[in-house]
Amino acid sequence: MNYVQPWVILAFSAIIFFIGFAGILVRRNILVVLMCIELMLNAANLTFVTFSKQLHHMGGQMSVFFIITVAAAESAIGLGLVVAMFRTLRSVDTDDIQLLRE
């Protein structure tokens, strides 16, 4: 069977991570920011699985399950906060979050 080299998977993971990081820095829509955080978490998951496979150790794959659980909780809570913010401000831009302090 033909396997992909680990450096290819790690490079792909790094590209996905930096796309998510750039999205967090550039975008103003809170939903897009949440999706970029999910991209970053998935890139970390891919890295954990790659090193786990390379080192023949199940610790990385077990930690992926915890990260997926945290990502699901983050999505549910984040979406609830976005809905509450939209009901209050009628906008989901990150600049409008500053208005909630006053």
N, C-alpha and C. Protein backbone atom coordinates (compact mmCIF):
# COMPACT_ATOMS: atom_id res chain seq x y z
N MET A 1 0.84 -1.18 0.00
CA MET A 1 0.00 0.00 0.00
C MET A 1 0.89 1.24 0.00
N ASN A 2 0.46 2.26 -0.70
CA ASN A 2 1.25 3.47 -0.85
C ASN A 2 0.80 4.51 0.18
N TYR A 3 1.71 4.91 1.08
CA TYR A 3 1.39 5.86 2.13
C TYR A 3 1.96 7.23 1.80
N VAL A 4 1.32 8.25 2.35
CA VAL A 4 1.79 9.62 2.18
C VAL A 4 2.86 9.90 3.23
N GLN A 5 3.87 10.62 2.83
CA GLN A 5 4.95 10.96 3.76
C GLN A 5 4.42 11.88 4.87
N PRO A 6 4.93 11.73 6.09
CA PRO A 6 4.44 12.56 7.20
C PRO A 6 4.67 14.05 7.00
N TRP A 7 5.76 14.42 6.33
CA TRP A 7 6.01 15.85 6.16
C TRP A 7 4.97 16.51 5.26
N VAL A 8 4.39 15.74 4.34
CA VAL A 8 3.34 16.28 3.47
C VAL A 8 2.09 16.58 4.31
N ILE A 9 1.75 15.66 5.20
CA ILE A 9 0.57 15.86 6.04
C ILE A 9 0.80 17.01 7.01
N LEU A 10 2.01 17.11 7.57
CA LEU A 10 2.31 18.21 8.49
C LEU A 10 2.32 19.55 7.78
N ALA A 11 2.80 19.58 6.55
CA ALA A 11 2.77 20.83 5.78
C ALA A 11 1.33 21.23 5.49
N PHE A 12 0.50 20.26 5.11
CA PHE A 12 -0.91 20.54 4.88
C PHE A 12 -1.58 21.05 6.15
N SER A 13 -1.23 20.44 7.28
CA SER A 13 -1.79 20.87 8.55
C SER A 13 -1.36 22.30 8.89
N ALA A 14 -0.11 22.62 8.62
CA ALA A 14 0.37 23.98 8.87
C ALA A 14 -0.34 24.99 7.99
N ILE A 15 -0.58 24.63 6.74
CA ILE A 15 -1.30 25.53 5.83
C ILE A 15 -2.72 25.77 6.33
N ILE A 16 -3.39 24.70 6.74
CA ILE A 16 -4.75 24.85 7.27
C ILE A 16 -4.75 25.72 8.53
N PHE A 17 -3.76 25.50 9.40
CA PHE A 17 -3.69 26.27 10.64
C PHE A 17 -3.51 27.76 10.34
N PHE A 18 -2.61 28.10 9.42
CA PHE A 18 -2.35 29.51 9.14
C PHE A 18 -3.48 30.16 8.35
N ILE A 19 -4.23 29.39 7.58
CA ILE A 19 -5.44 29.94 6.94
C ILE A 19 -6.44 30.32 8.03
N GLY A 20 -6.62 29.44 9.02
CA GLY A 20 -7.51 29.76 10.13
C GLY A 20 -7.03 30.95 10.94
N PHE A 21 -5.72 31.02 11.17
CA PHE A 21 -5.15 32.13 11.94
C PHE A 21 -5.32 33.45 11.20
N ALA A 22 -5.08 33.43 9.89
CA ALA A 22 -5.27 34.64 9.10
C ALA A 22 -6.74 35.06 9.08
N GLY A 23 -7.64 34.08 9.03
CA GLY A 23 -9.06 34.39 9.06
C GLY A 23 -9.49 35.06 10.35
N ILE A 24 -8.88 34.63 11.46
CA ILE A 24 -9.21 35.27 12.74
C ILE A 24 -8.73 36.71 12.76
N LEU A 25 -7.55 36.96 12.20
CA LEU A 25 -7.01 38.32 12.22
C LEU A 25 -7.70 39.26 11.25
N VAL A 26 -8.17 38.74 10.11
CA VAL A 26 -8.69 39.60 9.05
C VAL A 26 -10.19 39.81 9.13
N ARG A 27 -10.94 38.77 9.42
CA ARG A 27 -12.40 38.83 9.33
C ARG A 27 -13.02 39.54 10.52
N ARG A 28 -14.19 40.10 10.29
CA ARG A 28 -14.92 40.79 11.35
C ARG A 28 -16.21 40.07 11.74
N ASN A 29 -16.68 39.17 10.93
CA ASN A 29 -17.89 38.43 11.22
C ASN A 29 -17.58 37.34 12.24
N ILE A 30 -18.32 37.30 13.33
CA ILE A 30 -18.03 36.37 14.42
C ILE A 30 -18.25 34.92 14.00
N LEU A 31 -19.17 34.66 13.07
CA LEU A 31 -19.38 33.30 12.60
C LEU A 31 -18.18 32.80 11.81
N VAL A 32 -17.59 33.67 11.01
CA VAL A 32 -16.39 33.29 10.26
C VAL A 32 -15.22 33.07 11.22
N VAL A 33 -15.14 33.87 12.26
CA VAL A 33 -14.09 33.69 13.27
C VAL A 33 -14.24 32.33 13.95
N LEU A 34 -15.46 31.94 14.27
CA LEU A 34 -15.69 30.62 14.88
C LEU A 34 -15.30 29.49 13.92
N MET A 35 -15.59 29.66 12.63
CA MET A 35 -15.19 28.64 11.66
C MET A 35 -13.67 28.58 11.53
N CYS A 36 -13.00 29.71 11.65
CA CYS A 36 -11.53 29.72 11.58
C CYS A 36 -10.93 29.04 12.81
N ILE A 37 -11.55 29.19 13.95
CA ILE A 37 -11.09 28.48 15.14
C ILE A 37 -11.24 26.97 14.94
N GLU A 38 -12.33 26.57 14.32
CA GLU A 38 -12.53 25.15 14.01
C GLU A 38 -11.46 24.64 13.06
N LEU A 39 -11.09 25.45 12.07
CA LEU A 39 -10.01 25.07 11.17
C LEU A 39 -8.70 24.85 11.92
N MET A 40 -8.41 25.75 12.85
CA MET A 40 -7.18 25.62 13.62
C MET A 40 -7.19 24.37 14.50
N LEU A 41 -8.33 24.07 15.10
CA LEU A 41 -8.42 22.86 15.91
C LEU A 41 -8.30 21.60 15.06
N ASN A 42 -8.87 21.61 13.87
CA ASN A 42 -8.74 20.46 12.98
C ASN A 42 -7.31 20.28 12.49
N ALA A 43 -6.59 21.37 12.29
CA ALA A 43 -5.18 21.27 11.92
C ALA A 43 -4.37 20.66 13.06
N ALA A 44 -4.68 21.05 14.29
CA ALA A 44 -4.00 20.45 15.44
C ALA A 44 -4.34 18.96 15.55
N ASN A 45 -5.59 18.60 15.28
CA ASN A 45 -5.98 17.19 15.29
C ASN A 45 -5.20 16.39 14.25
N LEU A 46 -5.05 16.94 13.06
CA LEU A 46 -4.31 16.26 12.02
C LEU A 46 -2.85 16.07 12.41
N THR A 47 -2.28 17.05 13.07
CA THR A 47 -0.91 16.93 13.54
C THR A 47 -0.79 15.86 14.61
N PHE A 48 -1.71 15.83 15.56
CA PHE A 48 -1.69 14.80 16.59
C PHE A 48 -1.78 13.39 15.99
N VAL A 49 -2.68 13.21 15.03
CA VAL A 49 -2.84 11.89 14.43
C VAL A 49 -1.59 11.50 13.64
N THR A 50 -0.98 12.45 12.95
CA THR A 50 0.22 12.16 12.19
C THR A 50 1.37 11.70 13.09
N PHE A 51 1.60 12.45 14.17
CA PHE A 51 2.68 12.06 15.09
C PHE A 51 2.35 10.77 15.83
N SER A 52 1.09 10.56 16.12
CA SER A 52 0.68 9.33 16.78
C SER A 52 0.95 8.13 15.89
N LYS A 53 0.64 8.26 14.63
CA LYS A 53 0.89 7.18 13.67
C LYS A 53 2.39 6.95 13.48
N GLN A 54 3.15 8.04 13.41
CA GLN A 54 4.58 7.94 13.19
C GLN A 54 5.30 7.32 14.38
N LEU A 55 4.88 7.65 15.59
CA LEU A 55 5.54 7.15 16.81
C LEU A 55 4.92 5.87 17.34
N HIS A 56 3.86 5.39 16.69
CA HIS A 56 3.16 4.17 17.11
C HIS A 56 2.70 4.27 18.57
N HIS A 57 2.08 5.39 18.88
CA HIS A 57 1.59 5.64 20.23
C HIS A 57 0.16 6.18 20.13
N MET A 58 -0.73 5.64 20.93
CA MET A 58 -2.15 6.00 20.84
C MET A 58 -2.51 7.29 21.58
N GLY A 59 -1.57 7.89 22.29
CA GLY A 59 -1.85 9.10 23.06
C GLY A 59 -2.36 10.24 22.21
N GLY A 60 -1.76 10.42 21.02
CA GLY A 60 -2.20 11.50 20.13
C GLY A 60 -3.61 11.29 19.61
N GLN A 61 -3.93 10.05 19.31
CA GLN A 61 -5.27 9.77 18.79
C GLN A 61 -6.32 9.89 19.89
N MET A 62 -5.95 9.57 21.11
CA MET A 62 -6.90 9.74 22.21
C MET A 62 -7.13 11.22 22.52
N SER A 63 -6.09 12.02 22.39
CA SER A 63 -6.27 13.45 22.65
C SER A 63 -7.14 14.10 21.58
N VAL A 64 -7.16 13.53 20.37
CA VAL A 64 -8.02 14.06 19.31
C VAL A 64 -9.48 13.98 19.71
N PHE A 65 -9.87 12.90 20.37
CA PHE A 65 -11.26 12.78 20.82
C PHE A 65 -11.62 13.88 21.81
N PHE A 66 -10.69 14.23 22.70
CA PHE A 66 -10.96 15.32 23.65
C PHE A 66 -11.04 16.66 22.93
N ILE A 67 -10.19 16.87 21.94
CA ILE A 67 -10.22 18.13 21.19
C ILE A 67 -11.52 18.25 20.41
N ILE A 68 -11.99 17.15 19.82
CA ILE A 68 -13.26 17.18 19.09
C ILE A 68 -14.41 17.50 20.05
N THR A 69 -14.35 16.95 21.27
CA THR A 69 -15.38 17.25 22.27
C THR A 69 -15.37 18.72 22.64
N VAL A 70 -14.18 19.27 22.86
CA VAL A 70 -14.07 20.69 23.20
C VAL A 70 -14.54 21.56 22.04
N ALA A 71 -14.22 21.15 20.81
CA ALA A 71 -14.65 21.93 19.65
C ALA A 71 -16.17 21.92 19.50
N ALA A 72 -16.79 20.79 19.80
CA ALA A 72 -18.26 20.73 19.72
C ALA A 72 -18.89 21.62 20.79
N ALA A 73 -18.33 21.59 21.99
CA ALA A 73 -18.86 22.46 23.06
C ALA A 73 -18.63 23.93 22.72
N GLU A 74 -17.47 24.23 22.16
CA GLU A 74 -17.17 25.61 21.79
C GLU A 74 -18.12 26.10 20.71
N SER A 75 -18.45 25.24 19.77
CA SER A 75 -19.39 25.63 18.71
C SER A 75 -20.78 25.88 19.26
N ALA A 76 -21.23 25.01 20.15
CA ALA A 76 -22.58 25.17 20.72
C ALA A 76 -22.67 26.44 21.56
N ILE A 77 -21.70 26.66 22.43
CA ILE A 77 -21.73 27.85 23.28
C ILE A 77 -21.50 29.11 22.45
N GLY A 78 -20.58 29.04 21.50
CA GLY A 78 -20.31 30.20 20.65
C GLY A 78 -21.51 30.59 19.82
N LEU A 79 -22.20 29.61 19.28
CA LEU A 79 -23.39 29.91 18.48
C LEU A 79 -24.49 30.51 19.35
N GLY A 80 -24.63 30.02 20.57
CA GLY A 80 -25.60 30.61 21.50
C GLY A 80 -25.27 32.06 21.82
N LEU A 81 -24.00 32.35 22.01
CA LEU A 81 -23.59 33.73 22.27
C LEU A 81 -23.80 34.62 21.05
N VAL A 82 -23.56 34.08 19.87
CA VAL A 82 -23.77 34.86 18.64
C VAL A 82 -25.26 35.18 18.47
N VAL A 83 -26.13 34.22 18.74
CA VAL A 83 -27.57 34.47 18.64
C VAL A 83 -28.00 35.53 19.65
N ALA A 84 -27.48 35.45 20.88
CA ALA A 84 -27.82 36.46 21.90
C ALA A 84 -27.29 37.83 21.50
N MET A 85 -26.10 37.88 20.93
CA MET A 85 -25.54 39.15 20.50
C MET A 85 -26.34 39.72 19.32
N PHE A 86 -26.78 38.87 18.41
CA PHE A 86 -27.56 39.35 17.28
C PHE A 86 -28.91 39.91 17.74
N ARG A 87 -29.52 39.26 18.73
CA ARG A 87 -30.80 39.76 19.24
C ARG A 87 -30.64 41.12 19.91
N THR A 88 -29.48 41.34 20.54
CA THR A 88 -29.25 42.61 21.23
C THR A 88 -28.83 43.71 20.26
N LEU A 89 -27.85 43.42 19.40
CA LEU A 89 -27.24 44.46 18.58
C LEU A 89 -27.69 44.47 17.12
N ARG A 90 -28.37 43.40 16.66
CA ARG A 90 -28.77 43.24 15.26
C ARG A 90 -27.56 43.22 14.33
N SER A 91 -26.43 42.71 14.84
CA SER A 91 -25.21 42.60 14.04
C SER A 91 -24.34 41.51 14.65
N VAL A 92 -23.48 40.92 13.82
CA VAL A 92 -22.55 39.90 14.32
C VAL A 92 -21.10 40.29 14.03
N ASP A 93 -20.83 41.58 13.89
CA ASP A 93 -19.47 42.05 13.68
C ASP A 93 -18.72 42.11 15.00
N THR A 94 -17.43 41.85 14.95
CA THR A 94 -16.63 41.86 16.17
C THR A 94 -16.45 43.28 16.71
N ASP A 95 -16.57 44.29 15.86
CA ASP A 95 -16.45 45.67 16.34
C ASP A 95 -17.62 46.04 17.25
N ASP A 96 -18.77 45.42 17.04
CA ASP A 96 -19.95 45.75 17.85
C ASP A 96 -19.88 45.15 19.25
N ILE A 97 -18.97 44.24 19.48
CA ILE A 97 -18.82 43.66 20.82
C ILE A 97 -18.38 44.73 21.81
N GLN A 98 -17.62 45.71 21.35
CA GLN A 98 -17.18 46.79 22.22
C GLN A 98 -18.37 47.58 22.77
N LEU A 99 -19.49 47.60 22.05
CA LEU A 99 -20.67 48.34 22.51
C LEU A 99 -21.30 47.68 23.72
N LEU A 100 -21.06 46.39 23.93
CA LEU A 100 -21.66 45.69 25.06
C LEU A 100 -21.04 46.09 26.40
N ARG A 101 -19.85 46.69 26.38
CA ARG A 101 -19.20 47.11 27.62
C ARG A 101 -19.88 48.31 28.25
N GLU A 102 -20.47 49.15 27.43
CA GLU A 102 -21.04 50.42 27.92
C GLU A 102 -22.37 50.19 28.58
